Protein backbone atom coordinates (compact mmCIF):
# COMPACT_ATOMS: atom_id res chain seq x y z
CA UNK A 1 15.11 -4.42 -35.20
CA UNK A 2 14.06 -6.61 -32.36
CA UNK A 3 10.00 -7.42 -32.18
CA UNK A 4 9.57 -6.88 -28.58
CA UNK A 5 5.71 -7.62 -28.83
CA UNK A 6 6.37 -11.03 -30.96
CA UNK A 7 9.24 -12.37 -28.26
CA UNK A 8 6.75 -11.42 -25.05
CA UNK A 9 3.94 -13.24 -26.74
CA UNK A 10 6.13 -16.27 -27.41
CA UNK A 11 7.51 -16.51 -24.04
CA UNK A 12 3.69 -16.16 -22.71
CA UNK A 13 2.40 -19.01 -25.16
CA UNK A 14 5.44 -21.05 -24.05
CA UNK A 15 3.99 -20.83 -20.25
CA UNK A 16 0.45 -21.45 -21.40
CA UNK A 17 -1.33 -24.47 -19.91
CA UNK A 18 -4.72 -25.84 -21.21
CA UNK A 19 -7.71 -24.85 -19.54
CA UNK A 20 -5.87 -22.57 -17.52
CA UNK A 21 -5.44 -18.47 -17.41
CA UNK A 22 -1.79 -17.31 -17.88
CA UNK A 23 -0.73 -14.41 -15.68
CA UNK A 24 1.81 -12.12 -16.95
CA UNK A 25 3.13 -9.16 -15.02
CA UNK A 26 4.72 -6.20 -16.48
CA UNK A 27 6.59 -3.27 -14.67
CA UNK A 28 9.14 -0.62 -14.92
CA UNK A 29 9.44 3.16 -14.08
CA UNK A 30 6.80 5.70 -15.02
CA UNK A 31 6.89 6.82 -18.57
CA UNK A 32 9.01 3.71 -19.72
CA UNK A 33 6.20 2.56 -22.05
CA UNK A 34 4.70 -0.07 -20.30
CA UNK A 35 1.18 0.52 -21.49
CA UNK A 36 2.20 0.49 -24.89
CA UNK A 37 4.27 -2.68 -24.88
CA UNK A 38 1.55 -4.73 -23.00
CA UNK A 39 -1.07 -3.65 -25.74
CA UNK A 40 1.06 -4.61 -28.55
CA UNK A 41 2.07 -7.81 -27.29
CA UNK A 42 -1.59 -8.53 -26.08
CA UNK A 43 -2.87 -7.58 -29.77
CA UNK A 44 -0.19 -10.43 -31.11
CA UNK A 45 -1.30 -12.97 -28.74
CA UNK A 46 -5.16 -11.87 -29.90
CA UNK A 47 -4.10 -12.31 -33.58
CA UNK A 48 -3.06 -15.91 -32.59
CA UNK A 49 -6.80 -16.51 -31.28
CA UNK A 50 -5.92 -16.04 -27.74
CA UNK A 51 -8.52 -14.05 -25.36
CA UNK A 52 -6.35 -11.33 -23.65
CA UNK A 53 -6.95 -8.69 -21.20
CA UNK A 54 -4.65 -5.95 -20.13
CA UNK A 55 -5.34 -4.58 -16.49
CA UNK A 56 -3.19 -1.70 -15.00
CA UNK A 57 -2.33 -2.06 -10.93
CA UNK A 58 -3.38 1.45 -10.89
CA UNK A 59 -7.12 0.26 -10.25
CA UNK A 60 -6.08 -1.16 -7.15
CA UNK A 61 -4.55 2.17 -5.65
CA UNK A 62 -6.39 2.97 -2.76
CA UNK A 63 -8.83 5.76 -3.65
CA UNK A 64 -7.88 9.50 -3.09
CA UNK A 65 -9.79 10.20 0.06
CA UNK A 66 -8.21 7.04 1.42
CA UNK A 67 -4.79 8.29 0.63
CA UNK A 68 -5.52 11.32 1.97
CA UNK A 69 -6.88 9.48 5.48
CA UNK A 70 -3.60 7.15 5.62
CA UNK A 71 -1.29 10.35 4.79
CA UNK A 72 -0.11 8.67 1.54
CA UNK A 73 -1.13 11.33 -0.52
CA UNK A 74 2.95 12.08 -1.30
CA UNK A 75 3.43 8.52 -1.89
CA UNK A 76 0.77 7.80 -4.54
CA UNK A 77 2.59 4.69 -6.59
CA UNK A 78 4.68 3.70 -3.73
CA UNK A 79 3.69 -0.15 -2.93
CA UNK A 80 1.89 0.96 0.65
CA UNK A 81 -0.47 3.21 -1.62
CA UNK A 82 -2.05 -0.33 -3.27
CA UNK A 83 -4.89 -2.47 -1.89
CA UNK A 84 -2.42 -5.43 -2.65
CA UNK A 85 -4.73 -7.95 -1.02
CA UNK A 86 -7.57 -6.87 -3.31
CA UNK A 87 -5.05 -7.48 -6.27
CA UNK A 88 -4.24 -10.90 -4.78
CA UNK A 89 -7.91 -11.97 -4.98
CA UNK A 90 -8.36 -10.64 -8.22
CA UNK A 91 -5.42 -12.66 -9.56
CA UNK A 92 -6.87 -15.78 -8.01
CA UNK A 93 -10.25 -15.46 -9.55
CA UNK A 94 -8.32 -15.00 -13.01
CA UNK A 95 -6.41 -17.84 -12.32
CA UNK A 96 -9.41 -19.93 -11.50
CA UNK A 97 -11.25 -18.79 -14.94
CA UNK A 98 -14.06 -16.69 -13.14
CA UNK A 99 -16.56 -15.94 -15.60
CA UNK A 100 -17.65 -12.97 -13.94
CA UNK A 101 -14.13 -11.19 -13.25
CA UNK A 102 -13.64 -7.73 -13.22
CA UNK A 103 -11.59 -4.89 -12.23
CA UNK A 104 -11.75 -1.67 -10.46
CA UNK A 105 -11.30 1.41 -12.48
CA UNK A 106 -8.75 4.21 -12.38
CA UNK A 107 -9.53 7.69 -14.09
CA UNK A 108 -6.50 9.54 -15.58
CA UNK A 109 -8.43 12.40 -15.91
CA UNK A 110 -9.37 12.58 -12.15
CA UNK A 111 -6.33 10.75 -11.00
CA UNK A 112 -8.69 8.94 -8.85
CA UNK A 113 -10.64 5.33 -8.38
CA UNK A 114 -14.09 5.45 -10.52
CA UNK A 115 -16.37 5.00 -7.57
CA UNK A 116 -19.28 2.16 -8.16
CA UNK A 117 -17.53 1.26 -11.69
CA UNK A 118 -15.74 -2.03 -12.66
CA UNK A 119 -14.60 -3.34 -15.74
CA UNK A 120 -15.92 -6.52 -17.21
CA UNK A 121 -13.15 -8.75 -18.45
CA UNK A 122 -14.61 -12.27 -17.79
CA UNK A 123 -12.70 -15.65 -18.57
CA UNK A 124 -9.45 -14.85 -20.45
CA UNK A 125 -6.59 -17.11 -21.95
CA UNK A 126 -4.06 -14.47 -20.75
CA UNK A 127 -4.20 -11.91 -18.14
CA UNK A 128 -1.66 -8.89 -18.38
CA UNK A 129 -1.26 -7.03 -15.03
CA UNK A 130 0.81 -3.80 -15.50
CA UNK A 131 2.37 -1.02 -13.57
CA UNK A 132 4.87 0.06 -11.40
CA UNK A 133 4.25 -2.32 -8.41
CA UNK A 134 3.39 -5.37 -10.93
CA UNK A 135 6.10 -7.16 -10.03
CA UNK A 136 6.68 -6.71 -6.69
CA UNK A 137 2.93 -7.23 -5.39
CA UNK A 138 2.39 -10.22 -7.86
CA UNK A 139 5.51 -12.49 -6.76
CA UNK A 140 4.88 -15.96 -7.28
CA UNK A 141 1.56 -15.41 -8.60
CA UNK A 142 2.32 -14.88 -11.97
CA UNK A 143 3.56 -17.53 -15.09
CA UNK A 144 5.86 -14.82 -16.72
CA UNK A 145 7.37 -11.76 -15.05
CA UNK A 146 8.82 -8.69 -17.26
CA UNK A 147 10.63 -5.81 -16.59
CA UNK A 148 11.32 -2.83 -18.83
CA UNK A 149 14.51 -1.20 -18.20
CA UNK A 150 16.10 2.03 -19.44
CA UNK A 151 18.77 4.39 -18.51
CA UNK A 152 17.78 6.62 -15.75
CA UNK A 153 18.74 9.92 -17.20
CA UNK A 154 16.81 8.88 -20.33
CA UNK A 155 13.63 7.84 -18.29
CA UNK A 156 13.61 11.24 -16.66
CA UNK A 157 13.72 12.95 -19.87
CA UNK A 158 10.79 10.91 -21.14
CA UNK A 159 8.93 11.53 -18.09
CA UNK A 160 9.19 15.38 -18.26
CA UNK A 161 8.16 15.11 -22.02
CA UNK A 162 5.02 13.22 -20.89
CA UNK A 163 4.22 15.92 -18.17
CA UNK A 164 4.26 18.46 -21.01
CA UNK A 165 2.26 16.60 -23.32
CA UNK A 166 -0.21 15.69 -20.80
CA UNK A 167 -0.24 19.39 -19.76
CA UNK A 168 -1.05 20.53 -23.14
CA UNK A 169 -3.81 18.02 -23.63
CA UNK A 170 -5.62 18.43 -20.72
CA UNK A 171 -9.31 19.07 -20.76
CA UNK A 172 -11.22 21.62 -18.31
CA UNK A 173 -11.39 19.73 -14.40
CA UNK A 174 -8.85 17.00 -15.39
CA UNK A 175 -5.96 16.46 -12.92
CA UNK A 176 -3.15 18.09 -15.58
CA UNK A 177 -5.78 21.42 -15.99
CA UNK A 178 -4.20 22.99 -12.85
CA UNK A 179 -0.96 23.44 -14.93
CA UNK A 180 -2.89 25.11 -17.61
CA UNK A 181 -1.60 28.74 -17.06
CA UNK A 182 1.80 27.86 -16.51
CA UNK A 183 4.64 28.61 -19.10
CA UNK A 184 6.89 25.82 -20.43
CA UNK A 185 9.73 26.91 -17.83
CA UNK A 186 7.18 26.43 -14.71
CA UNK A 187 5.90 23.14 -16.28
CA UNK A 188 9.68 22.05 -16.43
CA UNK A 189 10.01 23.09 -12.80
CA UNK A 190 6.90 21.21 -11.38
CA UNK A 191 7.64 18.13 -13.22
CA UNK A 192 11.25 17.87 -12.27
CA UNK A 193 10.34 18.48 -8.73
CA UNK A 194 7.56 15.67 -9.05
CA UNK A 195 10.34 13.40 -10.80
CA UNK A 196 13.01 14.30 -7.97
CA UNK A 197 10.74 13.86 -4.80
CA UNK A 198 8.32 10.83 -6.03
CA UNK A 199 9.27 8.89 -8.81
CA UNK A 200 13.00 8.83 -8.72
CA UNK A 201 12.85 7.72 -4.81
CA UNK A 202 10.01 5.07 -6.13
CA UNK A 203 12.47 3.92 -8.67
CA UNK A 204 15.39 3.53 -6.77
CA UNK A 205 13.72 2.26 -3.67
CA UNK A 206 11.18 -0.15 -4.90
CA UNK A 207 10.59 -0.51 -8.84
CA UNK A 208 14.17 -1.18 -9.58
CA UNK A 209 14.76 -3.68 -7.09
CA UNK A 210 11.53 -5.43 -7.92
CA UNK A 211 13.53 -6.69 -11.51
CA UNK A 212 14.70 -9.68 -8.91
CA UNK A 213 11.26 -11.51 -9.73
CA UNK A 214 11.53 -11.14 -13.53
CA UNK A 215 11.74 -13.80 -15.97
CA UNK A 216 12.44 -11.58 -18.91
CA UNK A 217 14.11 -7.59 -19.06
CA UNK A 218 13.29 -5.68 -21.96
CA UNK A 219 16.17 -3.11 -22.84
CA UNK A 220 14.81 0.25 -24.09
CA UNK A 221 17.21 2.39 -26.32
CA UNK A 222 16.76 6.53 -25.93
CA UNK A 223 14.82 6.43 -28.87
CA UNK A 224 12.23 4.35 -27.66
CA UNK A 225 13.30 1.26 -29.71
CA UNK A 226 13.75 -1.89 -27.96
CA UNK A 227 17.61 -2.74 -27.67
CA UNK A 228 17.29 -6.36 -26.14
CA UNK A 229 14.94 -8.85 -24.97
CA UNK A 230 16.88 -11.00 -22.60
CA UNK A 231 15.61 -13.87 -20.22
CA UNK A 232 16.99 -14.27 -16.92
CA UNK A 233 16.79 -16.36 -13.71
CA UNK A 234 14.35 -15.15 -11.05
CA UNK A 235 16.23 -14.64 -7.81
């Protein structure tokens, strides 16, 4: 069995420079397991004594009101829905070892940026930035780029399964609570529509092409296990 967290931690350590923050970008399709893998390999680095933070690019999405004003609500998660200059400024501060480093917070309850609040990060040895645009938005700015790949049909099934789970777990007033009264077939229909019209389009047009910026490809199997961790040359 391949220990993907350990493999990524080893590659991150190999790129570390004394006194500098190592920047790692991890991307892949929606529902492929980016957040889980990042937390796991960050834990391996932390166990070795490194100070590590994992930050999602979701925090750099434009707020709901801004997306609406720009006509981008149906393109949320696409490259133009992110404040990329703000992300670049954040990475520059991290690289410089800013002691007061902080990041905007995205709520998965409301599906919006939390106003007037930021996550305190401080100075870290390794900063992992993860999200569907993490490679495309940080090209040339990070030390290690990672792309998590799985077959398209498998990702689609994972996304629909996750949609059902989030609907079942939704708290009153949260984003997924609007689907609380739907039966399983109706939820399937909504999830399929979102996949076909938004996530699949984003995957084919933007996320998959961004793998040219990767140093490492993590291949996931249909049972969620990692089948391979492959070093590649950046284009």
